[in-house]
N, C-alpha and C. Protein backbone atom coordinates (compact mmCIF):
# COMPACT_ATOMS: atom_id res chain seq x y z
N MET A 1 22.68 -5.00 -13.26
CA MET A 1 22.50 -5.17 -11.84
C MET A 1 23.83 -4.86 -11.15
N THR A 2 23.76 -4.15 -10.02
CA THR A 2 24.98 -3.77 -9.33
C THR A 2 25.52 -4.92 -8.47
N VAL A 3 26.77 -4.79 -8.09
CA VAL A 3 27.40 -5.80 -7.23
C VAL A 3 26.67 -5.87 -5.89
N GLU A 4 26.28 -4.71 -5.34
CA GLU A 4 25.58 -4.69 -4.05
C GLU A 4 24.28 -5.49 -4.12
N ARG A 5 23.52 -5.30 -5.19
CA ARG A 5 22.26 -6.04 -5.34
C ARG A 5 22.51 -7.53 -5.50
N LEU A 6 23.52 -7.89 -6.29
CA LEU A 6 23.84 -9.30 -6.46
C LEU A 6 24.28 -9.95 -5.16
N VAL A 7 25.05 -9.22 -4.36
CA VAL A 7 25.49 -9.76 -3.07
C VAL A 7 24.29 -10.00 -2.17
N ARG A 8 23.34 -9.08 -2.15
CA ARG A 8 22.14 -9.26 -1.33
C ARG A 8 21.32 -10.47 -1.81
N ILE A 9 21.18 -10.61 -3.10
CA ILE A 9 20.41 -11.74 -3.64
C ILE A 9 21.10 -13.06 -3.30
N ILE A 10 22.39 -13.13 -3.50
CA ILE A 10 23.13 -14.36 -3.24
C ILE A 10 23.13 -14.69 -1.75
N ALA A 11 23.38 -13.68 -0.89
CA ALA A 11 23.40 -13.91 0.55
C ALA A 11 22.04 -14.39 1.05
N GLY A 12 20.98 -13.73 0.60
CA GLY A 12 19.63 -14.15 0.99
C GLY A 12 19.31 -15.55 0.51
N SER A 13 19.73 -15.88 -0.70
CA SER A 13 19.49 -17.23 -1.24
C SER A 13 20.24 -18.28 -0.43
N PHE A 14 21.48 -17.99 -0.06
CA PHE A 14 22.27 -18.94 0.73
C PHE A 14 21.66 -19.17 2.11
N ILE A 15 21.19 -18.11 2.75
CA ILE A 15 20.55 -18.27 4.06
C ILE A 15 19.30 -19.12 3.94
N MET A 16 18.45 -18.81 2.97
CA MET A 16 17.21 -19.58 2.80
C MET A 16 17.50 -21.02 2.41
N LEU A 17 18.52 -21.25 1.56
CA LEU A 17 18.90 -22.60 1.17
C LEU A 17 19.41 -23.39 2.38
N SER A 18 20.24 -22.77 3.21
CA SER A 18 20.77 -23.48 4.37
C SER A 18 19.65 -23.83 5.36
N LEU A 19 18.69 -22.94 5.52
CA LEU A 19 17.55 -23.25 6.39
C LEU A 19 16.71 -24.39 5.82
N ALA A 20 16.49 -24.37 4.52
CA ALA A 20 15.71 -25.44 3.89
C ALA A 20 16.42 -26.78 4.02
N LEU A 21 17.73 -26.80 3.79
CA LEU A 21 18.49 -28.04 3.93
C LEU A 21 18.49 -28.55 5.36
N ALA A 22 18.62 -27.65 6.32
CA ALA A 22 18.59 -28.05 7.73
C ALA A 22 17.21 -28.59 8.10
N HIS A 23 16.17 -27.96 7.59
CA HIS A 23 14.81 -28.41 7.89
C HIS A 23 14.54 -29.80 7.29
N PHE A 24 14.86 -29.98 6.03
CA PHE A 24 14.55 -31.24 5.37
C PHE A 24 15.47 -32.38 5.76
N SER A 25 16.64 -32.07 6.34
CA SER A 25 17.51 -33.13 6.84
C SER A 25 17.15 -33.52 8.27
N GLY A 26 16.24 -32.76 8.87
CA GLY A 26 15.80 -33.08 10.23
C GLY A 26 16.60 -32.38 11.31
N SER A 27 17.52 -31.50 10.95
CA SER A 27 18.33 -30.79 11.95
C SER A 27 17.56 -29.67 12.63
N VAL A 28 16.61 -29.08 11.91
CA VAL A 28 15.85 -27.96 12.42
C VAL A 28 14.37 -28.22 12.15
N ASP A 29 13.55 -27.98 13.17
CA ASP A 29 12.11 -28.14 13.02
C ASP A 29 11.48 -26.77 12.83
N MET A 30 11.19 -26.41 11.58
CA MET A 30 10.65 -25.09 11.29
C MET A 30 9.15 -24.99 11.60
N THR A 31 8.54 -26.08 12.09
CA THR A 31 7.14 -26.01 12.49
C THR A 31 7.01 -25.45 13.90
N GLN A 32 8.12 -25.38 14.64
CA GLN A 32 8.12 -24.82 15.99
C GLN A 32 8.64 -23.39 15.95
N LEU A 33 8.12 -22.56 16.85
CA LEU A 33 8.60 -21.19 16.96
C LEU A 33 10.02 -21.20 17.51
N SER A 34 10.94 -20.65 16.77
CA SER A 34 12.33 -20.63 17.21
C SER A 34 13.06 -19.46 16.57
N TRP A 35 14.33 -19.30 16.93
CA TRP A 35 15.14 -18.24 16.35
C TRP A 35 15.42 -18.47 14.87
N MET A 36 15.17 -19.67 14.37
CA MET A 36 15.37 -19.93 12.95
C MET A 36 14.41 -19.10 12.09
N TRP A 37 13.25 -18.76 12.64
CA TRP A 37 12.33 -17.92 11.90
C TRP A 37 12.90 -16.52 11.71
N PHE A 38 13.67 -16.03 12.69
CA PHE A 38 14.34 -14.74 12.54
C PHE A 38 15.37 -14.82 11.42
N THR A 39 16.10 -15.92 11.36
CA THR A 39 17.08 -16.12 10.29
C THR A 39 16.38 -16.16 8.94
N ALA A 40 15.23 -16.83 8.87
CA ALA A 40 14.46 -16.88 7.63
C ALA A 40 13.99 -15.48 7.23
N PHE A 41 13.57 -14.69 8.20
CA PHE A 41 13.12 -13.32 7.94
C PHE A 41 14.26 -12.48 7.35
N VAL A 42 15.44 -12.58 7.94
CA VAL A 42 16.60 -11.83 7.45
C VAL A 42 16.98 -12.29 6.04
N GLY A 43 17.01 -13.60 5.83
CA GLY A 43 17.35 -14.12 4.50
C GLY A 43 16.36 -13.69 3.44
N PHE A 44 15.08 -13.74 3.78
CA PHE A 44 14.06 -13.32 2.82
C PHE A 44 14.19 -11.83 2.51
N ASN A 45 14.43 -11.01 3.53
CA ASN A 45 14.58 -9.57 3.30
C ASN A 45 15.82 -9.25 2.47
N LEU A 46 16.91 -9.98 2.68
CA LEU A 46 18.10 -9.78 1.85
C LEU A 46 17.77 -10.08 0.38
N PHE A 47 17.11 -11.21 0.18
CA PHE A 47 16.76 -11.62 -1.17
C PHE A 47 15.84 -10.60 -1.84
N GLN A 48 14.76 -10.22 -1.15
CA GLN A 48 13.80 -9.30 -1.76
C GLN A 48 14.39 -7.92 -1.95
N SER A 49 15.29 -7.47 -1.08
CA SER A 49 15.87 -6.14 -1.26
C SER A 49 16.82 -6.11 -2.46
N GLY A 50 17.43 -7.24 -2.76
CA GLY A 50 18.26 -7.31 -3.96
C GLY A 50 17.43 -7.25 -5.23
N ILE A 51 16.24 -7.79 -5.17
CA ILE A 51 15.35 -7.80 -6.34
C ILE A 51 14.61 -6.46 -6.48
N THR A 52 14.04 -5.96 -5.37
CA THR A 52 13.15 -4.80 -5.44
C THR A 52 13.80 -3.46 -5.09
N ARG A 53 15.01 -3.49 -4.53
CA ARG A 53 15.71 -2.29 -4.05
C ARG A 53 15.02 -1.65 -2.86
N PHE A 54 14.09 -2.32 -2.21
CA PHE A 54 13.43 -1.82 -1.01
C PHE A 54 14.01 -2.56 0.19
N CYS A 55 14.65 -1.81 1.09
CA CYS A 55 15.25 -2.41 2.28
C CYS A 55 14.85 -1.59 3.50
N PRO A 56 14.05 -2.16 4.38
CA PRO A 56 13.64 -1.42 5.58
C PRO A 56 14.83 -0.95 6.42
N MET A 57 15.90 -1.74 6.51
CA MET A 57 17.06 -1.33 7.29
C MET A 57 17.74 -0.11 6.69
N ASP A 58 17.75 0.02 5.37
CA ASP A 58 18.29 1.22 4.73
C ASP A 58 17.52 2.47 5.18
N ILE A 59 16.22 2.36 5.24
CA ILE A 59 15.37 3.48 5.65
C ILE A 59 15.62 3.84 7.11
N ILE A 60 15.68 2.83 7.97
CA ILE A 60 15.92 3.06 9.39
C ILE A 60 17.27 3.72 9.62
N LEU A 61 18.30 3.22 8.95
CA LEU A 61 19.64 3.79 9.13
C LEU A 61 19.73 5.20 8.57
N ALA A 62 19.05 5.47 7.46
CA ALA A 62 19.05 6.82 6.89
C ALA A 62 18.40 7.81 7.85
N LYS A 63 17.29 7.40 8.47
CA LYS A 63 16.61 8.27 9.44
C LYS A 63 17.44 8.46 10.70
N ALA A 64 18.29 7.49 11.01
CA ALA A 64 19.16 7.59 12.19
C ALA A 64 20.39 8.44 11.91
N GLY A 65 20.58 8.85 10.65
CA GLY A 65 21.67 9.74 10.31
C GLY A 65 22.88 9.08 9.65
N ALA A 66 22.78 7.82 9.30
CA ALA A 66 23.90 7.14 8.64
C ALA A 66 24.06 7.69 7.23
N LYS A 67 25.28 7.81 6.80
CA LYS A 67 25.58 8.33 5.46
C LYS A 67 25.38 7.25 4.41
N GLN A 68 24.93 7.66 3.23
CA GLN A 68 24.77 6.75 2.10
C GLN A 68 26.13 6.40 1.52
N GLY A 69 26.23 5.22 0.92
CA GLY A 69 27.47 4.80 0.28
C GLY A 69 27.72 5.59 -1.00
N CYS A 70 28.88 5.36 -1.57
CA CYS A 70 29.25 6.11 -2.79
C CYS A 70 28.59 5.53 -4.03
N GLY A 71 27.96 4.35 -3.93
CA GLY A 71 27.25 3.79 -5.06
C GLY A 71 28.12 3.06 -6.06
N LEU A 72 29.32 2.67 -5.66
CA LEU A 72 30.22 1.96 -6.58
C LEU A 72 29.84 0.53 -6.71
């Protein structure tokens, strides 16, 4: 597994973990529509892109003309 994939998996896991801890400690109410759902969406996509190598933002940026990384 590459460093880039591991970073995505770890970052997504940390975001989802922090949201879960905030929810269960009573700091955030995830039953209400809020910006926390956007954070959950980003965290989940980071996690799944590290596992599956499918990232919608990669596709959007490639179509917009952004250059691919060197793959190191």
